[in-house]
Amino acid sequence: MLQCPVYKSLIAIHAGKPKGGLTEALKVEKDKVRRLSLAEQELERAVERHQQQIIRFTQKNILRIYPKGTRFTSSNYKPLIGWLHGAQMIAFNMQGYGRALWLMHGMFRANGGCGYVKKPDFLMENGPNNEVFDPKAKLPVKKTLKVKVNMGDGWHLDFKQTHFDAYSPPDFYTR
């Protein structure tokens, strides 16, 4: 049987939590890529103490977030926490509709709904002193978005059902 270690290293991303807890699990190794899976509550605790290490870990490794086991009501947790820290995979319960699922829909609509969005450069690049993005840092506002909302009835007279989205009619609900 032909062995090809180079090919094997491309398709095998080892998972698991190394001995030594989260600090050890978040260590970035030069020639090794790993996958780490955390429950949502583990991520929230980790963010309090290890947010810089999490971002540095996700620059090279895979971080997967899954819902806590007691979420039996088909609800979802806030995906923004994982996304702000570079998590590549965030499991969702597609039965529970609400704000978290709306965020997920909006995030992936930016790329045509294909299920993949390129991670932003600010999560991949290090600063001049090798520092990584700090989600809690107060940054200046770059742009202010002004929205003018006009209420009206009769949108169906001006637009076809598929004018904005090939799969569903426009929804002009505003809050």
Protein backbone atom coordinates (compact mmCIF):
# COMPACT_ATOMS: atom_id res chain seq x y z
CA MET A 1 0.00 0.00 0.00
CA LEU A 2 1.34 3.41 -0.99
CA GLN A 3 1.82 5.84 1.90
CA CYS A 4 1.75 9.55 1.20
CA PRO A 5 2.25 11.56 4.41
CA VAL A 6 2.03 14.93 2.59
CA TYR A 7 -1.45 14.11 1.24
CA LYS A 8 -2.53 12.72 4.62
CA SER A 9 -1.56 15.97 6.36
CA LEU A 10 -3.81 17.92 3.99
CA ILE A 11 -6.95 15.97 4.81
CA ALA A 12 -6.49 15.01 8.45
CA ILE A 13 -7.19 17.67 11.06
CA HIS A 14 -6.92 16.07 14.46
CA ALA A 15 -9.54 16.87 17.06
CA GLY A 16 -9.62 16.63 20.79
CA LYS A 17 -8.65 18.47 23.91
CA PRO A 18 -5.06 17.92 24.96
CA LYS A 19 -4.27 17.33 28.60
CA GLY A 20 -3.71 20.55 30.48
CA GLY A 21 -7.05 22.25 29.90
CA LEU A 22 -7.98 25.10 27.61
CA THR A 23 -4.67 26.94 27.89
CA GLU A 24 -2.90 23.90 26.45
CA ALA A 25 -5.64 23.30 23.85
CA LEU A 26 -5.28 26.85 22.48
CA LYS A 27 -1.53 26.62 21.92
CA VAL A 28 -0.58 27.15 18.29
CA GLU A 29 2.02 24.72 17.00
CA LYS A 30 4.19 25.63 14.03
CA ASP A 31 3.78 22.47 11.94
CA LYS A 32 0.50 21.13 13.28
CA VAL A 33 -3.14 22.00 12.59
CA ARG A 34 -5.85 20.98 15.06
CA ARG A 35 -9.59 21.19 15.51
CA LEU A 36 -11.04 22.14 18.86
CA SER A 37 -14.73 21.74 19.73
CA LEU A 38 -16.26 23.81 22.51
CA ALA A 39 -19.80 23.96 23.85
CA GLU A 40 -21.32 27.45 23.80
CA GLN A 41 -20.90 27.91 27.56
CA GLU A 42 -17.24 26.79 27.33
CA LEU A 43 -16.66 29.43 24.65
CA GLU A 44 -18.27 32.14 26.78
CA ARG A 45 -16.04 31.24 29.75
CA ALA A 46 -12.96 31.00 27.50
CA VAL A 47 -13.63 34.43 25.98
CA GLU A 48 -13.44 36.03 29.45
CA ARG A 49 -9.86 34.82 30.06
CA HIS A 50 -8.40 33.72 26.73
CA GLN A 51 -9.87 35.90 23.98
CA GLN A 52 -6.50 36.79 22.40
CA GLN A 53 -5.38 33.13 22.45
CA ILE A 54 -8.67 32.05 20.85
CA ILE A 55 -8.21 34.48 17.96
CA ARG A 56 -4.57 33.47 17.51
CA PHE A 57 -5.65 29.79 17.57
CA THR A 58 -8.32 30.33 14.89
CA GLN A 59 -5.82 32.00 12.55
CA LYS A 60 -4.33 28.59 11.81
CA ASN A 61 -6.60 25.99 13.43
CA ILE A 62 -10.31 25.10 13.31
CA LEU A 63 -12.66 26.06 16.15
CA ARG A 64 -16.10 24.44 16.24
CA ILE A 65 -18.86 25.65 18.56
CA TYR A 66 -21.86 23.49 19.39
CA PRO A 67 -24.99 24.16 21.48
CA LYS A 68 -25.19 23.05 25.08
CA GLY A 69 -26.92 19.74 25.58
CA THR A 70 -29.78 21.19 27.61
CA ARG A 71 -31.02 23.33 24.70
CA PHE A 72 -34.05 21.12 24.08
CA THR A 73 -36.42 23.97 23.12
CA SER A 74 -34.93 24.27 19.59
CA SER A 75 -33.51 27.67 20.48
CA ASN A 76 -30.15 29.05 19.32
CA TYR A 77 -27.34 30.91 21.02
CA LYS A 78 -25.61 34.09 19.85
CA PRO A 79 -23.31 33.26 16.90
CA LEU A 80 -21.59 36.66 17.07
CA ILE A 81 -19.46 35.58 20.03
CA GLY A 82 -17.89 32.78 17.99
CA TRP A 83 -17.62 34.84 14.79
CA LEU A 84 -15.86 37.71 16.60
CA HIS A 85 -13.27 35.26 17.87
CA GLY A 86 -12.70 33.55 14.51
CA ALA A 87 -14.67 30.32 14.99
CA GLN A 88 -15.05 28.59 11.64
CA MET A 89 -17.94 26.25 12.48
CA ILE A 90 -20.93 27.17 14.60
CA ALA A 91 -23.68 24.56 14.84
CA PHE A 92 -27.25 25.82 14.68
CA ASN A 93 -30.62 24.30 15.41
CA MET A 94 -32.49 25.23 12.24
CA GLN A 95 -35.85 24.57 13.96
CA GLY A 96 -35.59 27.50 16.35
CA TYR A 97 -36.37 30.74 14.53
CA GLY A 98 -35.40 34.05 16.11
CA ARG A 99 -32.71 36.74 16.33
CA ALA A 100 -29.75 34.30 16.32
CA LEU A 101 -30.96 32.57 13.18
CA TRP A 102 -31.65 35.94 11.52
CA LEU A 103 -28.01 36.89 12.19
CA MET A 104 -26.88 33.62 10.63
CA HIS A 105 -29.08 34.18 7.57
CA GLY A 106 -27.70 37.71 7.17
CA MET A 107 -24.11 36.57 7.57
CA PHE A 108 -24.34 33.94 4.84
CA ARG A 109 -26.53 35.97 2.49
CA ALA A 110 -23.45 38.17 1.97
CA ASN A 111 -21.96 35.33 -0.07
CA GLY A 112 -25.07 34.23 -1.91
CA GLY A 113 -26.18 31.88 0.87
CA CYS A 114 -23.57 29.25 0.02
CA GLY A 115 -22.74 28.50 3.67
CA TYR A 116 -19.21 29.92 3.60
CA VAL A 117 -18.00 33.45 4.26
CA LYS A 118 -14.32 34.36 4.07
CA LYS A 119 -12.98 35.33 7.46
CA PRO A 120 -12.27 39.09 7.60
CA ASP A 121 -8.64 40.20 7.36
CA PHE A 122 -8.69 41.78 10.84
CA LEU A 123 -9.08 38.28 12.33
CA MET A 124 -6.25 36.84 10.23
CA GLU A 125 -3.58 39.54 10.51
CA ASN A 126 -1.36 40.43 13.42
CA GLY A 127 -0.43 43.98 14.33
CA PRO A 128 3.11 45.44 14.32
CA ASN A 129 3.79 44.00 17.79
CA ASN A 130 2.29 40.59 16.91
CA GLU A 131 -0.98 41.52 18.65
CA VAL A 132 -4.30 40.14 17.40
CA PHE A 133 -7.73 41.77 17.12
CA ASP A 134 -9.34 42.65 20.44
CA PRO A 135 -13.16 42.33 20.23
CA LYS A 136 -13.59 44.33 23.44
CA ALA A 137 -11.44 47.29 22.34
CA LYS A 138 -13.20 50.62 21.83
CA LEU A 139 -12.57 51.62 18.22
CA PRO A 140 -13.53 54.83 16.42
CA VAL A 141 -16.61 54.74 14.19
CA LYS A 142 -15.53 54.36 10.54
CA LYS A 143 -18.88 54.92 8.87
CA THR A 144 -22.29 56.04 9.97
CA LEU A 145 -25.20 54.47 8.17
CA LYS A 146 -28.29 56.63 7.80
CA VAL A 147 -31.47 54.83 6.84
CA LYS A 148 -34.63 56.51 5.65
CA VAL A 149 -37.70 54.34 6.06
CA ASN A 150 -40.74 55.09 3.93
CA MET A 151 -43.88 53.26 4.87
CA GLY A 152 -46.32 52.25 2.24
CA ASP A 153 -48.61 49.61 0.93
CA GLY A 154 -48.75 48.07 -2.49
CA TRP A 155 -45.15 46.86 -2.92
CA HIS A 156 -46.52 43.93 -4.87
CA LEU A 157 -47.65 46.34 -7.60
CA ASP A 158 -44.08 47.58 -8.21
CA PHE A 159 -42.04 44.43 -7.61
CA LYS A 160 -42.35 40.80 -8.68
CA GLN A 161 -42.33 38.16 -5.90
CA THR A 162 -38.71 37.26 -6.76
CA HIS A 163 -37.37 40.80 -7.41
CA PHE A 164 -35.07 40.89 -4.36
CA ASP A 165 -34.60 37.21 -3.57
CA ALA A 166 -35.08 34.25 -5.88
CA TYR A 167 -36.67 32.17 -3.11
CA SER A 168 -38.98 34.40 -1.12
CA PRO A 169 -41.04 37.55 -1.58
CA PRO A 170 -39.73 40.84 -0.16
CA ASP A 171 -40.55 41.50 3.47
CA PHE A 172 -40.62 45.17 4.41
CA TYR A 173 -41.09 44.62 8.12
CA THR A 174 -39.22 47.33 10.05
CA ARG A 175 -38.54 47.71 13.76
